[in-house]
Amino acid sequence: MSNPACPACTLDDVLSHSAHWECATCGHEWPKDAAPEIARVVKDAHGNVLADGDTVALIKDLKLGSSSQVLKQGSKAKNIRLVDGDHEIDCKIEGTALALKACFVKKISLA
């Protein structure tokens, strides 16, 4: 069995220990029996699976932080990017960069 590449730095200078792997370059350690990462599935308010590059629309008015600006229902965001964290979507709406929760958007199919 060949040694895997380090998940932290992607180099293949990996040392094998009895129960774990260790990267000789960055020092990252991980168990040998680690299950492969399961891809995260992000769904919109209607249960449709979202992907990078999708176009979405807001399903309700959203107030921006502590300002008086409000994003109106139906505002569209094109070419979204999915990220880890509480707010799963990075996008721009009306020129403003935003992080949104998927539960406040619906996927728009462009046919």
PDB file of N, CA and C in Angstrom:
ATOM      1  N   MET A   1       0.848  -1.181   0.000  1.00  0.00           N
ATOM      2  CA  MET A   1       0.000   0.000   0.000  1.00  0.00           C
ATOM      3  C   MET A   1       0.889   1.237   0.000  1.00  0.00           C
ATOM      4  N   SER A   2       0.638   2.197  -0.877  1.00  0.00           N
ATOM      5  CA  SER A   2       1.437   3.415  -0.932  1.00  0.00           C
ATOM      6  C   SER A   2       0.912   4.414   0.096  1.00  0.00           C
ATOM      7  N   ASN A   3       1.810   5.282   0.515  1.00  0.00           N
ATOM      8  CA  ASN A   3       1.428   6.294   1.496  1.00  0.00           C
ATOM      9  C   ASN A   3       0.557   7.350   0.826  1.00  0.00           C
ATOM     10  N   PRO A   4      -0.472   7.831   1.518  1.00  0.00           N
ATOM     11  CA  PRO A   4      -1.336   8.869   0.951  1.00  0.00           C
ATOM     12  C   PRO A   4      -0.652  10.230   1.000  1.00  0.00           C
ATOM     13  N   ALA A   5      -1.161  11.176   0.258  1.00  0.00           N
ATOM     14  CA  ALA A   5      -0.676  12.554   0.328  1.00  0.00           C
ATOM     15  C   ALA A   5      -1.246  13.212   1.583  1.00  0.00           C
ATOM     16  N   CYS A   6      -0.520  14.164   2.118  1.00  0.00           N
ATOM     17  CA  CYS A   6      -0.969  14.883   3.314  1.00  0.00           C
ATOM     18  C   CYS A   6      -2.215  15.708   2.992  1.00  0.00           C
ATOM     19  N   PRO A   7      -3.287  15.594   3.790  1.00  0.00           N
ATOM     20  CA  PRO A   7      -4.496  16.381   3.516  1.00  0.00           C
ATOM     21  C   PRO A   7      -4.314  17.861   3.814  1.00  0.00           C
ATOM     22  N   ALA A   8      -3.286  18.230   4.606  1.00  0.00           N
ATOM     23  CA  ALA A   8      -3.080  19.632   4.946  1.00  0.00           C
ATOM     24  C   ALA A   8      -2.257  20.363   3.888  1.00  0.00           C
ATOM     25  N   CYS A   9      -1.125  19.755   3.458  1.00  0.00           N
ATOM     26  CA  CYS A   9      -0.236  20.447   2.522  1.00  0.00           C
ATOM     27  C   CYS A   9      -0.144  19.761   1.163  1.00  0.00           C
ATOM     28  N   THR A  10      -0.767  18.627   0.988  1.00  0.00           N
ATOM     29  CA  THR A  10      -0.831  17.829  -0.245  1.00  0.00           C
ATOM     30  C   THR A  10       0.507  17.272  -0.725  1.00  0.00           C
ATOM     31  N   LEU A  11       1.533  17.326   0.096  1.00  0.00           N
ATOM     32  CA  LEU A  11       2.812  16.721  -0.273  1.00  0.00           C
ATOM     33  C   LEU A  11       2.788  15.245   0.094  1.00  0.00           C
ATOM     34  N   ASP A  12       3.639  14.447  -0.540  1.00  0.00           N
ATOM     35  CA  ASP A  12       3.608  13.008  -0.290  1.00  0.00           C
ATOM     36  C   ASP A  12       4.783  12.516   0.557  1.00  0.00           C
ATOM     37  N   ASP A  13       5.403  13.404   1.310  1.00  0.00           N
ATOM     38  CA  ASP A  13       6.485  13.037   2.237  1.00  0.00           C
ATOM     39  C   ASP A  13       5.844  12.626   3.569  1.00  0.00           C
ATOM     40  N   VAL A  14       5.223  11.432   3.594  1.00  0.00           N
ATOM     41  CA  VAL A  14       4.403  10.994   4.713  1.00  0.00           C
ATOM     42  C   VAL A  14       5.055   9.800   5.411  1.00  0.00           C
ATOM     43  N   LEU A  15       5.056   9.856   6.750  1.00  0.00           N
ATOM     44  CA  LEU A  15       5.595   8.765   7.567  1.00  0.00           C
ATOM     45  C   LEU A  15       4.453   7.906   8.070  1.00  0.00           C
ATOM     46  N   SER A  16       4.669   6.582   8.107  1.00  0.00           N
ATOM     47  CA  SER A  16       3.654   5.652   8.571  1.00  0.00           C
ATOM     48  C   SER A  16       3.960   5.230  10.004  1.00  0.00           C
ATOM     49  N   HIS A  17       2.997   5.416  10.896  1.00  0.00           N
ATOM     50  CA  HIS A  17       3.090   4.936  12.273  1.00  0.00           C
ATOM     51  C   HIS A  17       2.058   3.822  12.443  1.00  0.00           C
ATOM     52  N   SER A  18       2.017   3.199  13.592  1.00  0.00           N
ATOM     53  CA  SER A  18       1.118   2.058  13.773  1.00  0.00           C
ATOM     54  C   SER A  18      -0.357   2.410  13.604  1.00  0.00           C
ATOM     55  N   ALA A  19      -0.792   3.551  14.113  1.00  0.00           N
ATOM     56  CA  ALA A  19      -2.213   3.885  14.053  1.00  0.00           C
ATOM     57  C   ALA A  19      -2.507   5.168  13.288  1.00  0.00           C
ATOM     58  N   HIS A  20      -1.455   5.883  12.857  1.00  0.00           N
ATOM     59  CA  HIS A  20      -1.707   7.144  12.167  1.00  0.00           C
ATOM     60  C   HIS A  20      -0.620   7.453  11.145  1.00  0.00           C
ATOM     61  N   TRP A  21      -0.919   8.447  10.292  1.00  0.00           N
ATOM     62  CA  TRP A  21       0.029   8.964   9.323  1.00  0.00           C
ATOM     63  C   TRP A  21       0.556  10.290   9.853  1.00  0.00           C
ATOM     64  N   GLU A  22       1.792  10.658   9.460  1.00  0.00           N
ATOM     65  CA  GLU A  22       2.365  11.935   9.858  1.00  0.00           C
ATOM     66  C   GLU A  22       3.106  12.528   8.668  1.00  0.00           C
ATOM     67  N   CYS A  23       2.850  13.792   8.380  1.00  0.00           N
ATOM     68  CA  CYS A  23       3.530  14.477   7.286  1.00  0.00           C
ATOM     69  C   CYS A  23       4.880  14.975   7.803  1.00  0.00           C
ATOM     70  N   ALA A  24       5.952  14.553   7.134  1.00  0.00           N
ATOM     71  CA  ALA A  24       7.295  14.969   7.540  1.00  0.00           C
ATOM     72  C   ALA A  24       7.551  16.437   7.211  1.00  0.00           C
ATOM     73  N   THR A  25       6.791  17.000   6.311  1.00  0.00           N
ATOM     74  CA  THR A  25       6.991  18.391   5.903  1.00  0.00           C
ATOM     75  C   THR A  25       6.293  19.371   6.845  1.00  0.00           C
ATOM     76  N   CYS A  26       4.993  19.181   7.074  1.00  0.00           N
ATOM     77  CA  CYS A  26       4.239  20.152   7.887  1.00  0.00           C
ATOM     78  C   CYS A  26       3.900  19.641   9.281  1.00  0.00           C
ATOM     79  N   GLY A  27       4.085  18.345   9.540  1.00  0.00           N
ATOM     80  CA  GLY A  27       3.815  17.795  10.868  1.00  0.00           C
ATOM     81  C   GLY A  27       2.376  17.403  11.121  1.00  0.00           C
ATOM     82  N   HIS A  28       1.509  17.554  10.134  1.00  0.00           N
ATOM     83  CA  HIS A  28       0.094  17.188  10.304  1.00  0.00           C
ATOM     84  C   HIS A  28      -0.033  15.680  10.530  1.00  0.00           C
ATOM     85  N   GLU A  29      -0.882  15.283  11.478  1.00  0.00           N
ATOM     86  CA  GLU A  29      -1.127  13.868  11.765  1.00  0.00           C
ATOM     87  C   GLU A  29      -2.602  13.562  11.568  1.00  0.00           C
ATOM     88  N   TRP A  30      -2.903  12.353  11.039  1.00  0.00           N
ATOM     89  CA  TRP A  30      -4.290  11.915  10.882  1.00  0.00           C
ATOM     90  C   TRP A  30      -4.340  10.398  10.991  1.00  0.00           C
ATOM     91  N   PRO A  31      -5.460   9.867  11.497  1.00  0.00           N
ATOM     92  CA  PRO A  31      -5.568   8.414  11.713  1.00  0.00           C
ATOM     93  C   PRO A  31      -5.589   7.639  10.397  1.00  0.00           C
ATOM     94  N   LYS A  32      -5.053   6.416  10.441  1.00  0.00           N
ATOM     95  CA  LYS A  32      -5.046   5.579   9.245  1.00  0.00           C
ATOM     96  C   LYS A  32      -6.445   5.137   8.848  1.00  0.00           C
ATOM     97  N   ASP A  33      -7.317   4.959   9.835  1.00  0.00           N
ATOM     98  CA  ASP A  33      -8.665   4.498   9.534  1.00  0.00           C
ATOM     99  C   ASP A  33      -9.641   5.646   9.326  1.00  0.00           C
ATOM    100  N   ALA A  34      -9.117   6.842   9.011  1.00  0.00           N
ATOM    101  CA  ALA A  34      -9.989   8.001   8.802  1.00  0.00           C
ATOM    102  C   ALA A  34     -10.876   7.765   7.586  1.00  0.00           C
ATOM    103  N   ALA A  35     -12.144   7.985   7.776  1.00  0.00           N
ATOM    104  CA  ALA A  35     -13.092   7.825   6.673  1.00  0.00           C
ATOM    105  C   ALA A  35     -12.908   8.976   5.700  1.00  0.00           C
ATOM    106  N   PRO A  36     -13.094   8.735   4.434  1.00  0.00           N
ATOM    107  CA  PRO A  36     -12.981   9.832   3.475  1.00  0.00           C
ATOM    108  C   PRO A  36     -14.038  10.894   3.748  1.00  0.00           C
ATOM    109  N   GLU A  37     -13.694  12.145   3.481  1.00  0.00           N
ATOM    110  CA  GLU A  37     -14.628  13.235   3.738  1.00  0.00           C
ATOM    111  C   GLU A  37     -15.850  13.107   2.838  1.00  0.00           C
ATOM    112  N   ILE A  38     -17.006  13.340   3.432  1.00  0.00           N
ATOM    113  CA  ILE A  38     -18.255  13.297   2.688  1.00  0.00           C
ATOM    114  C   ILE A  38     -18.535  14.712   2.189  1.00  0.00           C
ATOM    115  N   ALA A  39     -18.837  14.831   0.928  1.00  0.00           N
ATOM    116  CA  ALA A  39     -19.107  16.137   0.346  1.00  0.00           C
ATOM    117  C   ALA A  39     -20.332  16.760   1.015  1.00  0.00           C
ATOM    118  N   ARG A  40     -20.230  18.029   1.330  1.00  0.00           N
ATOM    119  CA  ARG A  40     -21.314  18.745   1.978  1.00  0.00           C
ATOM    120  C   ARG A  40     -22.378  19.097   0.937  1.00  0.00           C
ATOM    121  N   VAL A  41     -23.614  18.855   1.284  1.00  0.00           N
ATOM    122  CA  VAL A  41     -24.730  19.164   0.389  1.00  0.00           C
ATOM    123  C   VAL A  41     -25.464  20.370   0.950  1.00  0.00           C
ATOM    124  N   VAL A  42     -25.574  21.415   0.131  1.00  0.00           N
ATOM    125  CA  VAL A  42     -26.275  22.635   0.534  1.00  0.00           C
ATOM    126  C   VAL A  42     -27.559  22.710  -0.269  1.00  0.00           C
ATOM    127  N   LYS A  43     -28.687  22.884   0.440  1.00  0.00           N
ATOM    128  CA  LYS A  43     -29.994  22.939  -0.213  1.00  0.00           C
ATOM    129  C   LYS A  43     -30.644  24.287   0.041  1.00  0.00           C
ATOM    130  N   ASP A  44     -31.420  24.744  -0.945  1.00  0.00           N
ATOM    131  CA  ASP A  44     -32.133  26.011  -0.800  1.00  0.00           C
ATOM    132  C   ASP A  44     -33.395  25.823   0.046  1.00  0.00           C
ATOM    133  N   ALA A  45     -34.207  26.849   0.136  1.00  0.00           N
ATOM    134  CA  ALA A  45     -35.408  26.815   0.971  1.00  0.00           C
ATOM    135  C   ALA A  45     -36.425  25.779   0.504  1.00  0.00           C
ATOM    136  N   HIS A  46     -36.353  25.375  -0.763  1.00  0.00           N
ATOM    137  CA  HIS A  46     -37.300  24.405  -1.307  1.00  0.00           C
ATOM    138  C   HIS A  46     -36.714  23.008  -1.443  1.00  0.00           C
ATOM    139  N   GLY A  47     -35.492  22.805  -0.934  1.00  0.00           N
ATOM    140  CA  GLY A  47     -34.876  21.490  -0.960  1.00  0.00           C
ATOM    141  C   GLY A  47     -34.074  21.177  -2.211  1.00  0.00           C
ATOM    142  N   ASN A  48     -33.882  22.147  -3.096  1.00  0.00           N
ATOM    143  CA  ASN A  48     -33.068  21.941  -4.297  1.00  0.00           C
ATOM    144  C   ASN A  48     -31.585  22.030  -3.925  1.00  0.00           C
ATOM    145  N   VAL A  49     -30.782  21.146  -4.471  1.00  0.00           N
ATOM    146  CA  VAL A  49     -29.345  21.137  -4.188  1.00  0.00           C
ATOM    147  C   VAL A  49     -28.679  22.288  -4.933  1.00  0.00           C
ATOM    148  N   LEU A  50     -27.857  23.065  -4.207  1.00  0.00           N
ATOM    149  CA  LEU A  50     -27.141  24.185  -4.799  1.00  0.00           C
ATOM    150  C   LEU A  50     -25.715  23.781  -5.137  1.00  0.00           C
ATOM    151  N   ALA A  51     -25.144  24.431  -6.149  1.00  0.00           N
ATOM    152  CA  ALA A  51     -23.761  24.188  -6.561  1.00  0.00           C
ATOM    153  C   ALA A  51     -23.110  25.524  -6.899  1.00  0.00           C
ATOM    154  N   ASP A  52     -21.783  25.547  -6.922  1.00  0.00           N
ATOM    155  CA  ASP A  52     -21.068  26.750  -7.328  1.00  0.00           C
ATOM    156  C   ASP A  52     -21.525  27.161  -8.718  1.00  0.00           C
ATOM    157  N   GLY A  53     -21.729  28.467  -8.904  1.00  0.00           N
ATOM    158  CA  GLY A  53     -22.127  28.983 -10.214  1.00  0.00           C
ATOM    159  C   GLY A  53     -23.618  29.084 -10.434  1.00  0.00           C
ATOM    160  N   ASP A  54     -24.431  28.584  -9.516  1.00  0.00           N
ATOM    161  CA  ASP A  54     -25.888  28.665  -9.660  1.00  0.00           C
ATOM    162  C   ASP A  54     -26.365  30.106  -9.514  1.00  0.00           C
ATOM    163  N   THR A  55     -27.585  30.353  -9.969  1.00  0.00           N
ATOM    164  CA  THR A  55     -28.259  31.627  -9.770  1.00  0.00           C
ATOM    165  C   THR A  55     -29.390  31.404  -8.779  1.00  0.00           C
ATOM    166  N   VAL A  56     -29.478  32.291  -7.780  1.00  0.00           N
ATOM    167  CA  VAL A  56     -30.508  32.167  -6.751  1.00  0.00           C
ATOM    168  C   VAL A  56     -31.233  33.500  -6.593  1.00  0.00           C
ATOM    169  N   ALA A  57     -32.422  33.447  -5.993  1.00  0.00           N
ATOM    170  CA  ALA A  57     -33.210  34.639  -5.698  1.00  0.00           C
ATOM    171  C   ALA A  57     -33.619  34.600  -4.230  1.00  0.00           C
ATOM    172  N   LEU A  58     -33.702  35.766  -3.615  1.00  0.00           N
ATOM    173  CA  LEU A  58     -34.137  35.851  -2.213  1.00  0.00           C
ATOM    174  C   LEU A  58     -35.619  35.534  -2.119  1.00  0.00           C
ATOM    175  N   ILE A  59     -36.008  34.832  -1.051  1.00  0.00           N
ATOM    176  CA  ILE A  59     -37.420  34.492  -0.876  1.00  0.00           C
ATOM    177  C   ILE A  59     -38.111  35.423   0.106  1.00  0.00           C
ATOM    178  N   LYS A  60     -37.356  36.324   0.739  1.00  0.00           N
ATOM    179  CA  LYS A  60     -37.953  37.303   1.648  1.00  0.00           C
ATOM    180  C   LYS A  60     -37.050  38.516   1.724  1.00  0.00           C
ATOM    181  N   ASP A  61     -37.568  39.629   2.206  1.00  0.00           N
ATOM    182  CA  ASP A  61     -36.757  40.827   2.400  1.00  0.00           C
ATOM    183  C   ASP A  61     -35.750  40.565   3.512  1.00  0.00           C
ATOM    184  N   LEU A  62     -34.504  41.001   3.297  1.00  0.00           N
ATOM    185  CA  LEU A  62     -33.457  40.826   4.298  1.00  0.00           C
ATOM    186  C   LEU A  62     -32.821  42.163   4.615  1.00  0.00           C
ATOM    187  N   LYS A  63     -32.759  42.497   5.904  1.00  0.00           N
ATOM    188  CA  LYS A  63     -32.103  43.712   6.358  1.00  0.00           C
ATOM    189  C   LYS A  63     -30.605  43.439   6.438  1.00  0.00           C
ATOM    190  N   LEU A  64     -29.788  44.382   5.968  1.00  0.00           N
ATOM    191  CA  LEU A  64     -28.340  44.222   5.991  1.00  0.00           C
ATOM    192  C   LEU A  64     -27.766  44.754   7.296  1.00  0.00           C
ATOM    193  N   GLY A  65     -27.318  43.840   8.149  1.00  0.00           N
ATOM    194  CA  GLY A  65     -26.635  44.203   9.396  1.00  0.00           C
ATOM    195  C   GLY A  65     -27.356  45.266  10.191  1.00  0.00           C
ATOM    196  N   SER A  66     -26.589  46.282  10.621  1.00  0.00           N
ATOM    197  CA  SER A  66     -27.171  47.342  11.438  1.00  0.00           C
ATOM    198  C   SER A  66     -27.525  48.563  10.590  1.00  0.00           C
ATOM    199  N   SER A  67     -27.399  48.461   9.269  1.00  0.00           N
ATOM    200  CA  SER A  67     -27.740  49.592   8.403  1.00  0.00           C
ATOM    201  C   SER A  67     -29.239  49.600   8.117  1.00  0.00           C
ATOM    202  N   SER A  68     -29.678  50.628   7.433  1.00  0.00           N
ATOM    203  CA  SER A  68     -31.098  50.722   7.093  1.00  0.00           C
ATOM    204  C   SER A  68     -31.377  50.121   5.715  1.00  0.00           C
ATOM    205  N   GLN A  69     -30.348  49.605   5.032  1.00  0.00           N
ATOM    206  CA  GLN A  69     -30.521  49.028   3.705  1.00  0.00           C
ATOM    207  C   GLN A  69     -31.219  47.672   3.789  1.00  0.00           C
ATOM    208  N   VAL A  70     -32.133  47.431   2.862  1.00  0.00           N
ATOM    209  CA  VAL A  70     -32.891  46.182   2.809  1.00  0.00           C
ATOM    210  C   VAL A  70     -32.770  45.585   1.407  1.00  0.00           C
ATOM    211  N   LEU A  71     -32.493  44.297   1.344  1.00  0.00           N
ATOM    212  CA  LEU A  71     -32.514  43.578   0.072  1.00  0.00           C
ATOM    213  C   LEU A  71     -33.926  43.043  -0.123  1.00  0.00           C
ATOM    214  N   LYS A  72     -34.518  43.354  -1.258  1.00  0.00           N
ATOM    215  CA  LYS A  72     -35.903  43.001  -1.516  1.00  0.00           C
ATOM    216  C   LYS A  72     -36.051  41.554  -1.976  1.00  0.00           C
ATOM    217  N   GLN A  73     -37.191  40.979  -1.645  1.00  0.00           N
ATOM    218  CA  GLN A  73     -37.546  39.633  -2.111  1.00  0.00           C
ATOM    219  C   GLN A  73     -37.464  39.606  -3.627  1.00  0.00           C
ATOM    220  N   GLY A  74     -36.888  38.542  -4.174  1.00  0.00           N
ATOM    221  CA  GLY A  74     -36.762  38.404  -5.617  1.00  0.00           C
ATOM    222  C   GLY A  74     -35.437  38.894  -6.166  1.00  0.00           C
ATOM    223  N   SER A  75     -34.628  39.585  -5.344  1.00  0.00           N
ATOM    224  CA  SER A  75     -33.308  40.019  -5.806  1.00  0.00           C
ATOM    225  C   SER A  75     -32.493  38.795  -6.173  1.00  0.00           C
ATOM    226  N   LYS A  76     -31.777  38.876  -7.317  1.00  0.00           N
ATOM    227  CA  LYS A  76     -31.054  37.713  -7.825  1.00  0.00           C
ATOM    228  C   LYS A  76     -29.558  37.844  -7.567  1.00  0.00           C
ATOM    229  N   ALA A  77     -28.938  36.696  -7.338  1.00  0.00           N
ATOM    230  CA  ALA A  77     -27.485  36.592  -7.213  1.00  0.00           C
ATOM    231  C   ALA A  77     -27.029  35.547  -8.216  1.00  0.00           C
ATOM    232  N   LYS A  78     -26.152  35.949  -9.127  1.00  0.00           N
ATOM    233  CA  LYS A  78     -25.639  35.027 -10.141  1.00  0.00           C
ATOM    234  C   LYS A  78     -24.268  34.518  -9.715  1.00  0.00           C
ATOM    235  N   ASN A  79     -23.922  33.347 -10.208  1.00  0.00           N
ATOM    236  CA  ASN A  79     -22.598  32.750  -9.967  1.00  0.00           C
ATOM    237  C   ASN A  79     -22.235  32.711  -8.483  1.00  0.00           C
ATOM    238  N   ILE A  80     -23.096  32.085  -7.685  1.00  0.00           N
ATOM    239  CA  ILE A  80     -22.823  31.970  -6.258  1.00  0.00           C
ATOM    240  C   ILE A  80     -21.633  31.050  -6.019  1.00  0.00           C
ATOM    241  N   ARG A  81     -21.057  31.173  -4.826  1.00  0.00           N
ATOM    242  CA  ARG A  81     -19.955  30.299  -4.415  1.00  0.00           C
ATOM    243  C   ARG A  81     -20.318  29.720  -3.062  1.00  0.00           C
ATOM    244  N   LEU A  82     -20.248  28.395  -2.925  1.00  0.00           N
ATOM    245  CA  LEU A  82     -20.563  27.730  -1.669  1.00  0.00           C
ATOM    246  C   LEU A  82     -19.314  27.690  -0.797  1.00  0.00           C
ATOM    247  N   VAL A  83     -19.492  28.006   0.489  1.00  0.00           N
ATOM    248  CA  VAL A  83     -18.389  28.035   1.444  1.00  0.00           C
ATOM    249  C   VAL A  83     -18.801  27.307   2.712  1.00  0.00           C
ATOM    250  N   ASP A  84     -17.828  26.955   3.539  1.00  0.00           N
ATOM    251  CA  ASP A  84     -18.119  26.341   4.830  1.00  0.00           C
ATOM    252  C   ASP A  84     -18.511  27.430   5.817  1.00  0.00           C
ATOM    253  N   GLY A  85     -19.294  27.057   6.805  1.00  0.00           N
ATOM    254  CA  GLY A  85     -19.688  27.998   7.846  1.00  0.00           C
ATOM    255  C   GLY A  85     -21.189  28.121   7.947  1.00  0.00           C
ATOM    256  N   ASP A  86     -21.616  29.031   8.807  1.00  0.00           N
ATOM    257  CA  ASP A  86     -23.032  29.248   9.065  1.00  0.00           C
ATOM    258  C   ASP A  86     -23.740  29.845   7.854  1.00  0.00           C
ATOM    259  N   HIS A  87     -23.093  30.779   7.173  1.00  0.00           N
ATOM    260  CA  HIS A  87     -23.631  31.385   5.963  1.00  0.00           C
ATOM    261  C   HIS A  87     -22.965  30.670   4.789  1.00  0.00           C
ATOM    262  N   GLU A  88     -23.722  29.810   4.113  1.00  0.00           N
ATOM    263  CA  GLU A  88     -23.155  28.882   3.141  1.00  0.00           C
ATOM    264  C   GLU A  88     -22.880  29.480   1.771  1.00  0.00           C
ATOM    265  N   ILE A  89     -23.396  30.669   1.474  1.00  0.00           N
ATOM    266  CA  ILE A  89     -23.324  31.230   0.130  1.00  0.00           C
ATOM    267  C   ILE A  89     -22.589  32.566   0.145  1.00  0.00           C
ATOM    268  N   ASP A  90     -21.566  32.694  -0.720  1.00  0.00           N
ATOM    269  CA  ASP A  90     -20.921  33.978  -0.993  1.00  0.00           C
ATOM    270  C   ASP A  90     -21.419  34.431  -2.350  1.00  0.00           C
ATOM    271  N   CYS A  91     -21.838  35.701  -2.442  1.00  0.00           N
ATOM    272  CA  CYS A  91     -22.371  36.196  -3.703  1.00  0.00           C
ATOM    273  C   CYS A  91     -22.343  37.719  -3.719  1.00  0.00           C
ATOM    274  N   LYS A  92     -22.789  38.280  -4.837  1.00  0.00           N
ATOM    275  CA  LYS A  92     -22.984  39.723  -4.952  1.00  0.00           C
ATOM    276  C   LYS A  92     -24.414  39.971  -5.388  1.00  0.00           C
ATOM    277  N   ILE A  93     -25.065  40.882  -4.685  1.00  0.00           N
ATOM    278  CA  ILE A  93     -26.407  41.323  -5.060  1.00  0.00           C
ATOM    279  C   ILE A  93     -26.349  42.837  -5.157  1.00  0.00           C
ATOM    280  N   GLU A  94     -26.718  43.353  -6.313  1.00  0.00           N
ATOM    281  CA  GLU A  94     -26.699  44.792  -6.576  1.00  0.00           C
ATOM    282  C   GLU A  94     -25.325  45.393  -6.270  1.00  0.00           C
ATOM    283  N   GLY A  95     -24.255  44.658  -6.583  1.00  0.00           N
ATOM    284  CA  GLY A  95     -22.898  45.147  -6.399  1.00  0.00           C
ATOM    285  C   GLY A  95     -22.345  45.038  -4.998  1.00  0.00           C
ATOM    286  N   THR A  96     -23.124  44.517  -4.062  1.00  0.00           N
ATOM    287  CA  THR A  96     -22.690  44.372  -2.675  1.00  0.00           C
ATOM    288  C   THR A  96     -22.338  42.912  -2.410  1.00  0.00           C
ATOM    289  N   ALA A  97     -21.112  42.680  -1.919  1.00  0.00           N
ATOM    290  CA  ALA A  97     -20.684  41.319  -1.585  1.00  0.00           C
ATOM    291  C   ALA A  97     -21.377  40.894  -0.296  1.00  0.00           C
ATOM    292  N   LEU A  98     -21.964  39.691  -0.310  1.00  0.00           N
ATOM    293  CA  LEU A  98     -22.746  39.210   0.824  1.00  0.00           C
ATOM    294  C   LEU A  98     -22.449  37.755   1.121  1.00  0.00           C
ATOM    295  N   ALA A  99     -22.718  37.368   2.350  1.00  0.00           N
ATOM    296  CA  ALA A  99     -22.747  35.960   2.747  1.00  0.00           C
ATOM    297  C   ALA A  99     -24.184  35.681   3.175  1.00  0.00           C
ATOM    298  N   LEU A 100     -24.804  34.680   2.560  1.00  0.00           N
ATOM    299  CA  LEU A 100     -26.210  34.377   2.828  1.00  0.00           C
ATOM    300  C   LEU A 100     -26.376  32.963   3.356  1.00  0.00           C
ATOM    301  N   LYS A 101     -27.453  32.770   4.104  1.00  0.00           N
ATOM    302  CA  LYS A 101     -27.847  31.423   4.501  1.00  0.00           C
ATOM    303  C   LYS A 101     -28.717  30.849   3.385  1.00  0.00           C
ATOM    304  N   ALA A 102     -28.537  29.574   3.113  1.00  0.00           N
ATOM    305  CA  ALA A 102     -29.254  28.928   2.015  1.00  0.00           C
ATOM    306  C   ALA A 102     -30.760  28.892   2.256  1.00  0.00           C
ATOM    307  N   CYS A 103     -31.188  28.972   3.497  1.00  0.00           N
ATOM    308  CA  CYS A 103     -32.622  28.901   3.791  1.00  0.00           C
ATOM    309  C   CYS A 103     -33.379  30.156   3.345  1.00  0.00           C
ATOM    310  N   PHE A 104     -32.667  31.210   2.925  1.00  0.00           N
ATOM    311  CA  PHE A 104     -33.319  32.446   2.486  1.00  0.00           C
ATOM    312  C   PHE A 104     -33.303  32.617   0.973  1.00  0.00           C
ATOM    313  N   VAL A 105     -32.895  31.582   0.241  1.00  0.00           N
ATOM    314  CA  VAL A 105     -32.836  31.691  -1.212  1.00  0.00           C
ATOM    315  C   VAL A 105     -33.535  30.514  -1.876  1.00  0.00           C
ATOM    316  N   LYS A 106     -33.883  30.707  -3.154  1.00  0.00           N
ATOM    317  CA  LYS A 106     -34.386  29.606  -3.974  1.00  0.00           C
ATOM    318  C   LYS A 106     -33.565  29.582  -5.258  1.00  0.00           C
ATOM    319  N   LYS A 107     -33.322  28.394  -5.745  1.00  0.00           N
ATOM    320  CA  LYS A 107     -32.546  28.200  -6.955  1.00  0.00           C
ATOM    321  C   LYS A 107     -33.399  28.583  -8.156  1.00  0.00           C
ATOM    322  N   ILE A 108     -32.777  29.279  -9.100  1.00  0.00           N
ATOM    323  CA  ILE A 108     -33.457  29.661 -10.332  1.00  0.00           C
ATOM    324  C   ILE A 108     -32.829  28.843 -11.445  1.00  0.00           C
ATOM    325  N   SER A 109     -33.681  28.101 -12.148  1.00  0.00           N
ATOM    326  CA  SER A 109     -33.155  27.308 -13.268  1.00  0.00           C
ATOM    327  C   SER A 109     -33.178  28.178 -14.516  1.00  0.00           C
ATOM    328  N   LEU A 110     -32.038  28.252 -15.164  1.00  0.00           N
ATOM    329  CA  LEU A 110     -31.942  29.032 -16.403  1.00  0.00           C
ATOM    330  C   LEU A 110     -32.068  28.070 -17.567  1.00  0.00           C
ATOM    331  N   ALA A 111     -33.214  28.086 -18.209  1.00  0.00           N
ATOM    332  CA  ALA A 111     -33.447  27.152 -19.322  1.00  0.00           C
ATOM    333  C   ALA A 111     -33.422  27.830 -20.647  1.00  0.00           C
TER     334      ALA A 111
END
